[in-house]
N, C-alpha and C. Protein backbone atom coordinates (compact mmCIF):
# COMPACT_ATOMS: atom_id res chain seq x y z
N MET A 1 94.23 74.61 122.68
CA MET A 1 95.39 73.82 122.68
C MET A 1 95.87 73.40 124.14
N ASN A 2 96.35 72.13 124.23
CA ASN A 2 96.51 71.50 125.60
C ASN A 2 97.86 71.78 125.98
N CYS A 3 98.63 72.06 127.20
CA CYS A 3 99.79 72.19 127.55
C CYS A 3 100.01 71.15 128.80
N ALA A 4 101.23 70.87 128.82
CA ALA A 4 101.76 70.11 129.90
C ALA A 4 101.75 70.83 131.10
N GLU A 5 101.78 70.32 132.28
CA GLU A 5 101.86 70.57 133.45
C GLU A 5 102.92 71.70 133.60
N ASP A 6 104.06 71.19 133.05
CA ASP A 6 105.44 72.22 133.18
C ASP A 6 105.43 73.18 132.25
N GLU A 7 104.55 73.63 131.36
CA GLU A 7 104.42 74.45 130.26
C GLU A 7 103.25 75.76 130.76
N HIS A 8 103.67 76.69 130.03
CA HIS A 8 103.12 78.11 130.45
C HIS A 8 102.69 78.60 129.07
N GLN A 9 101.10 78.76 128.97
CA GLN A 9 100.58 79.10 127.67
C GLN A 9 100.00 80.69 127.68
N CYS A 10 100.67 81.33 126.67
CA CYS A 10 100.11 82.72 126.38
C CYS A 10 98.62 82.57 126.10
N GLN A 11 97.90 83.50 126.83
CA GLN A 11 96.45 83.51 126.73
C GLN A 11 96.08 84.39 125.27
N GLN A 12 97.13 85.08 124.68
CA GLN A 12 96.61 85.92 123.61
C GLN A 12 96.57 85.06 122.23
N CYS A 13 98.02 84.25 122.10
CA CYS A 13 98.19 83.36 120.82
C CYS A 13 98.48 82.02 121.00
N ASP A 14 98.20 81.25 122.51
CA ASP A 14 98.65 80.02 122.57
C ASP A 14 99.81 79.60 122.51
N ARG A 15 100.61 80.26 122.21
CA ARG A 15 102.18 79.83 122.10
C ARG A 15 102.63 79.30 123.62
N LEU A 16 103.44 78.23 123.59
CA LEU A 16 103.81 77.67 124.77
C LEU A 16 105.17 78.02 125.19
N PHE A 17 105.61 78.09 126.62
CA PHE A 17 106.66 78.47 127.07
C PHE A 17 107.19 77.29 128.21
N LYS A 18 108.33 76.78 128.54
CA LYS A 18 108.75 76.24 129.45
C LYS A 18 109.04 76.95 130.71
N ASN A 19 109.54 78.02 130.50
CA ASN A 19 109.84 78.80 131.46
C ASN A 19 108.83 80.16 131.77
N LEU A 20 108.39 80.32 133.00
CA LEU A 20 107.56 81.43 133.20
C LEU A 20 107.86 82.85 132.88
N GLY A 21 109.46 82.74 133.00
CA GLY A 21 110.02 84.25 132.81
C GLY A 21 109.88 84.49 131.33
N ASP A 22 110.12 83.22 130.40
CA ASP A 22 109.95 83.62 128.93
C ASP A 22 108.39 84.00 128.55
N LEU A 23 107.36 83.50 129.41
CA LEU A 23 106.25 83.67 129.07
C LEU A 23 105.84 85.21 129.10
N LYS A 24 106.31 85.79 130.44
CA LYS A 24 106.39 86.95 130.84
C LYS A 24 106.85 88.06 129.84
N ARG A 25 108.05 87.72 129.44
CA ARG A 25 108.68 88.75 128.46
C ARG A 25 107.88 88.79 127.08
N HIS A 26 107.44 87.37 126.73
CA HIS A 26 106.44 87.31 125.34
C HIS A 26 105.32 88.17 125.50
N ILE A 27 104.48 88.16 126.89
CA ILE A 27 103.40 88.72 126.73
C ILE A 27 103.59 90.54 126.54
N LEU A 28 104.86 90.91 126.88
CA LEU A 28 105.07 92.12 126.38
C LEU A 28 104.83 92.46 125.04
N ILE A 29 104.98 91.68 124.16
CA ILE A 29 105.05 91.78 122.75
C ILE A 29 103.61 92.31 122.33
N HIS A 30 102.47 91.52 123.29
CA HIS A 30 101.28 91.81 123.01
C HIS A 30 100.77 93.17 123.73
N THR A 31 101.20 93.35 125.02
CA THR A 31 100.66 94.72 125.49
C THR A 31 101.58 95.78 124.97
N GLY A 32 102.53 95.72 124.17
CA GLY A 32 103.29 96.87 123.68
C GLY A 32 103.99 97.75 124.89
N GLU A 33 104.24 97.05 126.13
CA GLU A 33 104.60 97.72 127.23
C GLU A 33 106.09 97.81 127.19
N LYS A 34 107.09 98.78 127.47
CA LYS A 34 108.48 98.79 127.29
C LYS A 34 109.10 99.27 128.80
N LEU A 35 109.38 98.48 129.68
CA LEU A 35 109.65 98.72 130.91
C LEU A 35 111.24 99.56 131.13
N PHE A 36 112.02 99.20 130.32
CA PHE A 36 113.50 99.48 130.46
C PHE A 36 113.66 100.58 129.73
N GLN A 37 114.22 102.01 130.42
CA GLN A 37 114.39 102.96 129.63
C GLN A 37 115.81 103.36 129.65
N CYS A 38 116.61 103.89 128.39
CA CYS A 38 117.72 104.28 128.67
C CYS A 38 117.74 105.69 129.19
N SER A 39 118.82 105.96 129.91
CA SER A 39 118.79 107.13 130.86
C SER A 39 119.64 108.39 130.04
N VAL A 40 120.10 107.75 128.81
CA VAL A 40 120.97 108.75 128.05
C VAL A 40 119.84 109.56 126.81
N CYS A 41 119.28 108.56 126.21
CA CYS A 41 118.43 109.02 124.83
C CYS A 41 116.97 108.79 125.41
N LEU A 42 116.52 108.18 126.58
CA LEU A 42 115.12 107.99 126.87
C LEU A 42 114.37 107.01 126.04
N ARG A 43 115.17 106.16 124.84
CA ARG A 43 114.51 105.18 124.29
C ARG A 43 114.20 104.08 125.43
N ARG A 44 113.09 103.50 124.84
CA ARG A 44 112.36 102.36 125.93
C ARG A 44 112.73 101.06 125.27
N PHE A 45 112.80 100.02 125.94
CA PHE A 45 112.90 98.60 125.71
C PHE A 45 112.13 97.48 126.48
N ARG A 46 111.58 96.36 125.81
CA ARG A 46 110.72 95.60 126.33
C ARG A 46 111.58 94.48 127.37
N ILE A 47 112.94 94.33 127.07
CA ILE A 47 113.51 93.61 127.79
C ILE A 47 114.93 94.09 128.30
N LYS A 48 115.60 93.84 129.54
CA LYS A 48 116.42 94.38 129.79
C LYS A 48 117.87 94.18 129.12
N SER A 49 117.90 93.11 128.41
CA SER A 49 119.23 92.61 127.73
C SER A 49 118.96 93.57 126.71
N SER A 50 118.20 93.78 126.06
CA SER A 50 117.98 94.92 124.95
C SER A 50 118.53 96.09 125.04
N LEU A 51 118.30 96.68 126.34
CA LEU A 51 118.87 97.91 127.05
C LEU A 51 119.94 97.66 127.25
N THR A 52 120.64 96.82 127.64
CA THR A 52 122.15 96.42 128.03
C THR A 52 122.77 96.74 126.56
N ARG A 53 122.60 96.05 125.80
CA ARG A 53 122.93 96.04 124.27
C ARG A 53 123.05 97.58 123.94
N HIS A 54 121.79 98.44 123.91
CA HIS A 54 121.89 99.46 123.58
C HIS A 54 122.65 100.52 124.19
N SER A 55 122.93 100.22 125.38
CA SER A 55 123.67 101.23 126.35
C SER A 55 125.19 101.08 125.84
N HIS A 56 125.58 100.18 125.15
CA HIS A 56 126.76 100.31 124.57
C HIS A 56 127.31 101.09 123.56
N LEU A 57 126.11 101.58 122.70
CA LEU A 57 126.13 102.51 121.70
C LEU A 57 126.47 103.75 122.26
N HIS A 58 126.09 104.14 123.49
CA HIS A 58 126.32 105.21 124.18
C HIS A 58 128.05 105.42 124.85
N SER A 59 128.08 104.16 125.53
CA SER A 59 129.59 104.12 126.19
C SER A 59 130.77 103.85 125.35
N GLY A 60 130.35 103.20 124.06
CA GLY A 60 131.56 102.89 123.25
C GLY A 60 132.13 101.65 123.42
N ILE A 61 131.48 100.98 124.31
CA ILE A 61 131.98 99.60 124.58
C ILE A 61 131.44 98.56 123.61
N LYS A 62 132.35 97.90 123.13
CA LYS A 62 132.10 96.66 121.98
C LYS A 62 132.70 95.37 122.57
N PRO A 63 131.69 94.56 123.35
CA PRO A 63 132.19 93.40 124.37
C PRO A 63 132.35 92.28 123.22
N LEU A 64 131.71 92.17 122.03
CA LEU A 64 131.88 90.91 121.49
C LEU A 64 133.18 91.16 120.26
N LYS A 65 134.26 90.28 120.56
CA LYS A 65 135.51 90.28 119.82
C LYS A 65 135.47 89.25 118.78
N CYS A 66 135.99 89.61 117.53
CA CYS A 66 136.48 88.70 116.56
C CYS A 66 137.59 87.90 116.89
N ASN A 67 137.44 86.43 116.74
CA ASN A 67 138.58 85.55 117.12
C ASN A 67 139.70 85.56 115.97
N LEU A 68 139.33 86.44 114.85
CA LEU A 68 140.43 86.16 113.71
C LEU A 68 140.93 87.45 113.28
N CYS A 69 140.57 88.56 113.99
CA CYS A 69 141.32 89.78 113.76
C CYS A 69 141.18 90.59 115.03
N GLU A 70 141.36 91.94 114.99
CA GLU A 70 141.40 93.08 116.01
C GLU A 70 139.80 93.74 116.11
N LYS A 71 139.10 93.24 115.46
CA LYS A 71 137.60 94.27 115.63
C LYS A 71 136.69 93.47 116.46
N SER A 72 135.99 94.52 117.05
CA SER A 72 134.84 94.10 118.19
C SER A 72 133.51 94.81 117.82
N PHE A 73 132.33 94.16 118.43
CA PHE A 73 131.13 94.76 117.90
C PHE A 73 130.25 94.64 119.06
N VAL A 74 129.10 95.51 119.05
CA VAL A 74 127.94 95.70 119.80
C VAL A 74 127.16 94.53 119.76
N HIS A 75 126.80 94.33 118.79
CA HIS A 75 125.82 93.26 118.47
C HIS A 75 126.53 92.20 117.98
N ARG A 76 125.83 90.79 118.41
CA ARG A 76 126.23 89.34 118.01
C ARG A 76 125.96 89.33 116.46
N GLN A 77 124.97 89.83 115.98
CA GLN A 77 124.44 89.60 114.36
C GLN A 77 125.61 90.21 113.52
N ALA A 78 125.98 91.45 114.03
CA ALA A 78 126.97 92.31 113.49
C ALA A 78 128.53 91.37 113.33
N LEU A 79 128.62 90.58 114.57
CA LEU A 79 130.00 90.00 114.65
C LEU A 79 129.70 88.78 113.69
N THR A 80 128.66 87.99 113.53
CA THR A 80 128.50 87.10 112.81
C THR A 80 128.71 87.27 111.41
N ILE A 81 128.14 88.32 110.72
CA ILE A 81 128.22 88.84 109.44
C ILE A 81 129.82 89.31 109.18
N HIS A 82 130.42 89.67 110.10
CA HIS A 82 131.85 90.05 109.90
C HIS A 82 132.76 88.73 109.73
N VAL A 83 132.40 87.78 110.43
CA VAL A 83 133.25 86.48 110.41
C VAL A 83 133.25 85.92 109.17
N ARG A 84 132.06 85.92 108.62
CA ARG A 84 132.01 85.57 107.06
C ARG A 84 132.79 86.06 106.17
N SER A 85 133.28 87.23 106.28
CA SER A 85 134.25 88.07 105.63
C SER A 85 135.68 87.20 105.83
N HIS A 86 136.02 86.48 106.81
CA HIS A 86 137.16 85.56 106.95
C HIS A 86 136.68 84.37 106.38
N THR A 87 135.82 83.71 106.70
CA THR A 87 135.35 82.54 106.09
C THR A 87 135.00 82.53 104.63
N GLY A 88 134.46 83.20 104.37
CA GLY A 88 133.81 83.20 102.82
C GLY A 88 132.48 82.53 102.77
N GLU A 89 131.79 82.32 104.04
CA GLU A 89 130.62 81.66 103.93
C GLU A 89 129.46 82.63 103.64
N LYS A 90 128.64 82.37 102.51
CA LYS A 90 127.52 82.89 102.09
C LYS A 90 126.20 82.26 102.15
N PRO A 91 125.69 82.18 103.46
CA PRO A 91 124.39 81.50 103.52
C PRO A 91 123.07 81.79 102.82
N TYR A 92 123.05 82.97 102.24
CA TYR A 92 121.72 83.47 101.64
C TYR A 92 121.84 83.20 100.26
N GLN A 93 121.17 82.09 99.74
CA GLN A 93 121.06 81.84 98.30
C GLN A 93 120.16 82.23 97.62
N CYS A 94 120.49 83.01 96.35
CA CYS A 94 119.19 83.41 95.43
C CYS A 94 118.38 82.36 95.12
N PRO A 95 117.08 82.59 95.06
CA PRO A 95 116.23 81.43 94.55
C PRO A 95 116.10 81.49 92.97
N HIS A 96 116.66 82.68 92.32
CA HIS A 96 116.34 82.90 90.91
C HIS A 96 117.76 82.30 90.11
N CYS A 97 118.79 82.41 90.70
CA CYS A 97 120.11 82.20 90.09
C CYS A 97 121.19 81.43 90.95
N GLU A 98 122.38 81.44 90.74
CA GLU A 98 123.21 80.86 91.50
C GLU A 98 124.14 81.80 92.56
N LYS A 99 123.88 83.06 92.36
CA LYS A 99 124.57 83.80 93.39
C LYS A 99 124.16 83.77 94.73
N ALA A 100 125.06 83.98 95.86
CA ALA A 100 124.90 83.90 97.27
C ALA A 100 125.28 85.17 98.07
N PHE A 101 125.07 85.37 98.94
CA PHE A 101 125.38 86.61 99.81
C PHE A 101 125.55 86.10 101.40
N LYS A 102 126.16 87.20 102.04
CA LYS A 102 126.78 86.99 103.37
C LYS A 102 125.34 87.50 104.28
N GLU A 103 124.48 88.69 103.86
CA GLU A 103 123.66 89.06 104.55
C GLU A 103 122.24 88.81 103.87
N GLN A 104 121.09 88.86 104.65
CA GLN A 104 119.98 88.71 104.06
C GLN A 104 119.52 89.91 103.26
N ARG A 105 119.74 91.07 103.85
CA ARG A 105 119.41 92.25 103.25
C ARG A 105 120.15 92.69 101.65
N THR A 106 121.34 92.02 101.63
CA THR A 106 122.05 92.12 100.45
C THR A 106 121.39 91.34 99.47
N LEU A 107 120.81 90.30 99.92
CA LEU A 107 120.21 89.16 98.97
C LEU A 107 118.86 89.74 98.65
N ASN A 108 118.15 90.33 99.60
CA ASN A 108 116.99 90.98 99.33
C ASN A 108 117.01 92.22 98.12
N TYR A 109 118.01 92.95 98.40
CA TYR A 109 118.25 94.22 97.36
C TYR A 109 118.66 93.72 96.18
N TYR A 110 119.47 92.42 95.85
CA TYR A 110 119.84 92.01 94.72
C TYR A 110 118.74 91.63 94.00
N ILE A 111 117.74 90.60 94.83
CA ILE A 111 116.66 90.25 94.02
C ILE A 111 115.75 91.43 93.67
N CYS A 112 115.59 92.18 94.27
CA CYS A 112 114.71 93.40 94.16
C CYS A 112 115.38 94.23 92.99
N THR A 113 116.53 94.24 92.67
CA THR A 113 117.23 95.17 91.56
C THR A 113 117.46 94.61 90.23
N VAL A 114 117.57 93.06 90.38
CA VAL A 114 117.99 92.06 89.20
C VAL A 114 116.96 91.41 88.82
N HIS A 115 116.03 90.82 89.60
CA HIS A 115 115.04 89.71 89.24
C HIS A 115 113.63 90.26 89.33
N GLU A 116 113.22 91.21 90.07
CA GLU A 116 111.84 91.49 90.22
C GLU A 116 111.54 92.59 88.97
N SER A 117 110.26 92.49 89.11
CA SER A 117 109.52 93.19 87.91
C SER A 117 109.53 94.76 88.14
N ARG A 118 109.44 95.71 87.18
CA ARG A 118 109.57 97.17 87.24
C ARG A 118 108.12 97.69 87.42
N ARG A 119 107.95 98.73 87.93
CA ARG A 119 106.90 99.62 87.88
C ARG A 119 106.76 101.11 87.63
N ARG A 120 105.86 101.72 87.39
CA ARG A 120 105.94 102.89 86.91
C ARG A 120 105.72 103.99 88.00
N CYS A 121 106.27 105.28 88.14
CA CYS A 121 105.80 105.97 89.19
C CYS A 121 104.52 106.51 88.71
N ASP A 122 103.40 106.61 89.58
CA ASP A 122 102.21 107.09 89.66
C ASP A 122 102.26 108.90 88.85
N ILE A 123 103.33 109.38 89.48
CA ILE A 123 102.96 110.95 89.13
C ILE A 123 103.58 111.15 87.77
N CYS A 124 104.57 110.63 87.50
CA CYS A 124 105.44 111.16 86.15
C CYS A 124 105.51 110.03 85.12
N LYS A 125 105.13 108.70 85.69
CA LYS A 125 105.04 107.69 84.74
C LYS A 125 106.54 107.16 84.42
N LYS A 126 107.54 107.36 85.10
CA LYS A 126 109.04 107.12 84.79
C LYS A 126 108.95 105.61 85.44
N GLU A 127 109.79 104.47 84.86
CA GLU A 127 109.69 103.54 85.24
C GLU A 127 110.90 102.85 86.06
N PHE A 128 110.69 102.17 87.22
CA PHE A 128 111.98 102.02 88.17
C PHE A 128 111.62 100.34 88.62
N VAL A 129 112.81 99.86 89.02
CA VAL A 129 112.45 98.82 89.73
C VAL A 129 111.61 98.75 91.00
N TRP A 130 110.65 98.02 91.36
CA TRP A 130 109.57 98.47 92.37
C TRP A 130 110.29 98.83 93.53
N CYS A 131 111.27 98.48 94.11
CA CYS A 131 112.04 98.90 95.44
C CYS A 131 112.46 100.44 95.61
N ASN A 132 112.79 100.83 94.18
CA ASN A 132 113.25 102.25 94.15
C ASN A 132 112.37 103.32 93.88
N VAL A 133 110.88 102.88 93.77
CA VAL A 133 109.94 103.76 93.35
C VAL A 133 109.62 104.75 94.58
N ARG A 134 109.63 104.05 95.84
CA ARG A 134 109.44 105.11 96.91
C ARG A 134 110.23 106.19 97.18
N ARG A 135 111.41 105.86 96.74
CA ARG A 135 112.70 106.89 97.01
C ARG A 135 112.46 107.96 95.93
N HIS A 136 112.26 107.50 94.74
CA HIS A 136 111.88 108.26 93.90
C HIS A 136 110.93 109.28 94.05
N MET A 137 109.61 108.73 94.50
CA MET A 137 108.38 109.63 94.84
C MET A 137 108.89 110.80 95.92
N LYS A 138 109.49 110.37 96.81
CA LYS A 138 109.77 111.34 97.92
C LYS A 138 110.57 112.18 97.56
N LEU A 139 111.94 111.70 96.85
CA LEU A 139 112.71 113.03 96.37
C LEU A 139 112.49 113.65 95.16
N THR A 140 111.72 113.15 94.43
CA THR A 140 111.24 114.03 93.09
C THR A 140 110.33 114.76 93.30
N HIS A 141 109.06 114.09 93.75
CA HIS A 141 107.59 114.58 93.93
C HIS A 141 107.25 115.24 95.38
N GLY A 142 107.99 114.70 96.43
CA GLY A 142 107.65 115.13 97.72
C GLY A 142 106.84 114.52 98.54
N ILE A 143 106.55 113.43 97.89
CA ILE A 143 105.44 112.38 98.45
C ILE A 143 105.93 111.37 99.30
N ASP A 144 105.43 111.31 100.54
CA ASP A 144 106.09 110.32 101.32
C ASP A 144 105.19 109.06 101.54
N SER A 145 105.27 108.31 100.30
CA SER A 145 104.07 107.31 100.29
C SER A 145 104.82 106.20 99.39
N PHE A 146 104.37 105.09 99.77
CA PHE A 146 104.97 103.97 98.57
C PHE A 146 103.97 104.08 97.31
N ASP A 147 102.71 104.09 97.69
CA ASP A 147 101.65 103.87 96.51
C ASP A 147 100.68 104.91 96.86
N ILE A 148 100.30 105.57 95.45
CA ILE A 148 99.39 106.61 95.73
C ILE A 148 98.14 105.91 94.92
N ARG A 149 96.93 105.95 95.81
CA ARG A 149 95.79 105.32 95.37
C ARG A 149 94.66 106.06 95.68
N SER A 150 93.53 105.97 95.02
CA SER A 150 92.50 106.92 95.06
C SER A 150 91.95 106.91 96.62
N ASP A 151 91.76 105.58 97.18
CA ASP A 151 91.21 105.35 98.35
C ASP A 151 92.11 105.63 99.66
N VAL A 152 93.20 105.93 99.39
CA VAL A 152 94.23 106.37 100.35
C VAL A 152 94.41 107.81 100.39
N PRO A 153 94.00 108.80 101.49
CA PRO A 153 93.99 110.07 101.51
C PRO A 153 95.60 110.42 101.34
N VAL A 154 95.79 111.59 100.87
CA VAL A 154 96.94 112.31 100.83
C VAL A 154 97.13 113.60 101.56
N TYR A 155 97.63 113.98 102.38
CA TYR A 155 97.83 115.31 102.96
C TYR A 155 98.88 116.12 102.23
N GLN A 156 98.25 117.46 101.90
CA GLN A 156 99.11 118.42 101.22
C GLN A 156 99.33 119.57 101.73
N CYS A 157 100.80 120.06 101.89
CA CYS A 157 101.00 121.20 102.52
C CYS A 157 100.42 122.46 101.84
N SER A 158 99.87 123.16 102.18
CA SER A 158 99.02 124.38 101.51
C SER A 158 100.16 125.55 101.09
N LEU A 159 101.35 125.30 101.64
CA LEU A 159 102.21 126.45 101.32
C LEU A 159 103.32 125.96 100.25
N CYS A 160 103.61 124.88 100.18
CA CYS A 160 104.74 124.14 99.30
C CYS A 160 104.30 122.97 98.30
N ARG A 161 102.99 122.45 98.70
CA ARG A 161 102.54 121.29 97.98
C ARG A 161 102.97 120.20 98.13
N LYS A 162 103.74 119.91 99.21
CA LYS A 162 104.38 118.57 99.23
C LYS A 162 103.33 117.96 99.98
N SER A 163 103.46 116.68 99.69
CA SER A 163 102.10 115.62 100.20
C SER A 163 102.67 114.46 101.06
N PHE A 164 102.03 114.33 101.89
CA PHE A 164 102.28 113.13 102.88
C PHE A 164 101.09 112.23 103.22
N ARG A 165 101.57 110.91 103.48
CA ARG A 165 100.43 109.86 103.75
C ARG A 165 99.81 110.02 105.30
N SER A 166 100.59 110.53 106.20
CA SER A 166 100.18 110.71 107.43
C SER A 166 100.02 112.17 107.69
N PRO A 167 98.81 112.50 108.49
CA PRO A 167 98.65 113.76 109.14
C PRO A 167 99.48 114.55 110.02
N ASN A 168 100.03 113.44 110.89
CA ASN A 168 101.09 113.78 111.67
C ASN A 168 102.35 114.29 111.15
N ARG A 169 102.77 113.70 109.99
CA ARG A 169 103.90 114.37 109.26
C ARG A 169 103.78 115.60 108.40
N LEU A 170 102.50 115.65 108.18
CA LEU A 170 102.21 117.01 107.53
C LEU A 170 102.26 118.10 108.58
N VAL A 171 101.83 117.70 109.79
CA VAL A 171 102.13 118.75 110.93
C VAL A 171 103.44 119.14 111.11
N VAL A 172 104.12 117.88 111.24
CA VAL A 172 105.65 118.28 111.46
C VAL A 172 106.35 119.05 110.58
N HIS A 173 105.88 118.69 109.44
CA HIS A 173 106.48 119.22 107.97
C HIS A 173 106.00 120.91 108.25
N GLY A 174 104.93 121.07 108.56
CA GLY A 174 104.18 122.59 108.52
C GLY A 174 105.25 123.48 109.61
N ARG A 175 105.91 122.86 110.43
CA ARG A 175 106.83 123.66 111.41
C ARG A 175 107.93 124.30 110.69
N ARG A 176 108.40 123.83 109.48
CA ARG A 176 109.33 124.28 108.79
C ARG A 176 108.84 125.78 108.39
N HIS A 177 107.60 125.82 108.10
CA HIS A 177 107.22 127.15 107.47
C HIS A 177 107.19 128.06 108.69
N THR A 178 106.43 127.62 109.71
CA THR A 178 105.99 128.56 110.98
C THR A 178 107.05 128.89 111.97
N GLY A 179 108.16 127.86 111.69
CA GLY A 179 109.39 128.01 112.58
C GLY A 179 108.91 127.59 114.13
N GLU A 180 107.79 126.96 114.36
CA GLU A 180 107.09 126.41 115.68
C GLU A 180 108.29 125.46 116.03
N LYS A 181 108.61 125.59 117.20
CA LYS A 181 109.36 124.11 118.06
C LYS A 181 108.68 124.06 119.34
N PRO A 182 108.02 123.14 119.41
CA PRO A 182 107.04 122.90 120.60
C PRO A 182 107.94 121.85 121.70
N HIS A 183 108.98 121.44 121.19
CA HIS A 183 109.79 120.36 122.26
C HIS A 183 110.92 121.10 122.79
N ASN A 184 110.97 121.35 124.25
CA ASN A 184 111.75 122.19 124.82
C ASN A 184 112.73 121.29 125.91
N CYS A 185 113.93 121.76 125.78
CA CYS A 185 115.01 121.10 126.57
C CYS A 185 114.86 121.50 128.06
N LEU A 186 114.91 120.58 128.95
CA LEU A 186 114.75 121.14 130.29
C LEU A 186 116.08 121.59 130.91
N LYS A 187 116.88 121.19 130.26
CA LYS A 187 118.21 121.39 130.93
C LYS A 187 119.08 122.59 130.12
N CYS A 188 118.46 123.15 128.90
CA CYS A 188 118.94 124.35 128.42
C CYS A 188 117.90 125.18 127.89
N ASP A 189 118.02 126.04 126.97
CA ASP A 189 117.26 126.89 126.41
C ASP A 189 116.78 126.40 125.01
N LYS A 190 117.35 125.26 124.45
CA LYS A 190 117.14 124.95 123.13
C LYS A 190 115.73 124.32 123.07
N THR A 191 115.13 124.62 121.90
CA THR A 191 113.83 124.11 121.28
C THR A 191 114.11 123.42 120.08
N PHE A 192 113.02 122.24 119.77
CA PHE A 192 113.18 121.51 118.44
C PHE A 192 111.69 121.38 117.83
N ARG A 193 111.86 121.23 116.67
CA ARG A 193 110.69 120.72 115.79
C ARG A 193 110.21 119.28 116.24
N ARG A 194 111.05 118.23 116.14
CA ARG A 194 110.61 116.97 116.51
C ARG A 194 111.11 116.35 117.89
N MET A 195 110.32 115.67 118.34
CA MET A 195 111.12 114.71 119.68
C MET A 195 112.09 114.25 119.40
N ARG A 196 112.25 113.57 117.98
CA ARG A 196 113.53 112.84 118.24
C ARG A 196 114.84 113.58 118.17
N ARG A 197 114.78 114.68 117.52
CA ARG A 197 115.84 115.58 117.75
C ARG A 197 116.15 116.01 119.24
N LEU A 198 115.02 116.36 119.96
CA LEU A 198 115.27 116.62 121.47
C LEU A 198 116.02 115.57 122.19
N LYS A 199 115.57 114.31 121.84
CA LYS A 199 116.13 113.32 122.44
C LYS A 199 117.66 113.02 122.09
N ARG A 200 117.92 113.39 120.80
CA ARG A 200 119.37 113.44 120.37
C ARG A 200 120.23 114.37 121.10
N HIS A 201 119.49 115.68 121.24
CA HIS A 201 120.31 116.80 122.03
C HIS A 201 120.37 116.31 123.46
N LEU A 202 119.59 115.73 124.02
CA LEU A 202 119.68 115.26 125.42
C LEU A 202 120.99 114.46 125.57
N PHE A 203 121.27 113.49 124.86
CA PHE A 203 122.21 112.97 124.71
C PHE A 203 123.63 113.60 124.91
N THR A 204 123.76 115.02 124.46
CA THR A 204 125.08 115.81 124.71
C THR A 204 125.14 116.26 125.93
N HIS A 205 124.14 116.36 126.59
CA HIS A 205 124.29 116.73 128.06
C HIS A 205 124.56 115.49 129.10
N TYR A 206 124.20 114.43 128.97
CA TYR A 206 124.65 113.39 129.54
C TYR A 206 126.15 112.89 129.35
N MET A 207 126.56 113.22 128.15
CA MET A 207 127.92 112.96 127.72
C MET A 207 128.87 113.80 128.11
N ARG A 208 128.76 114.88 128.87
CA ARG A 208 129.63 115.98 129.32
C ARG A 208 130.15 115.52 130.53
């Protein structure tokens, strides 16, 4: 692909950018590098603006205010969806009928439950709309998998027979039986089975 002198091209996917800074931020998608870290929960982000928005969740600041009522929001998308409750706008039209919705996810769920075909659980053969099968298999059969196929390994706990698609999830689950808590808080004596629980706990120290 040829690019003009004032354009900057990504060497990974050939996408063009007019601004060199935009190209640098785009390259982080390919490298997976996340340079900006939250000092409270340690979550990392590719761009500084994402970290800034995230920090509002910890501080309680909601900088985006609705012009039609007293509500305020952290994310612009949430504000946009809220404003539609005032205007009545429903931009997401169902392709199968005349119904429309304020949010894409509501439309997706509607199509899934009303228009999409049903499928059977591979374990007990009960029939569900396809988007509810995964929830059924996890809650009823303890299988954390969307589809059980013979060519996909299933990792089963030898103590309670629960099954998992990922060996890492089986390891974490096994700590329920052994009591192992390998993640230690450096600020107190508490320990945790999961890293995400430790990160959530660290937040309590920063908020004191």
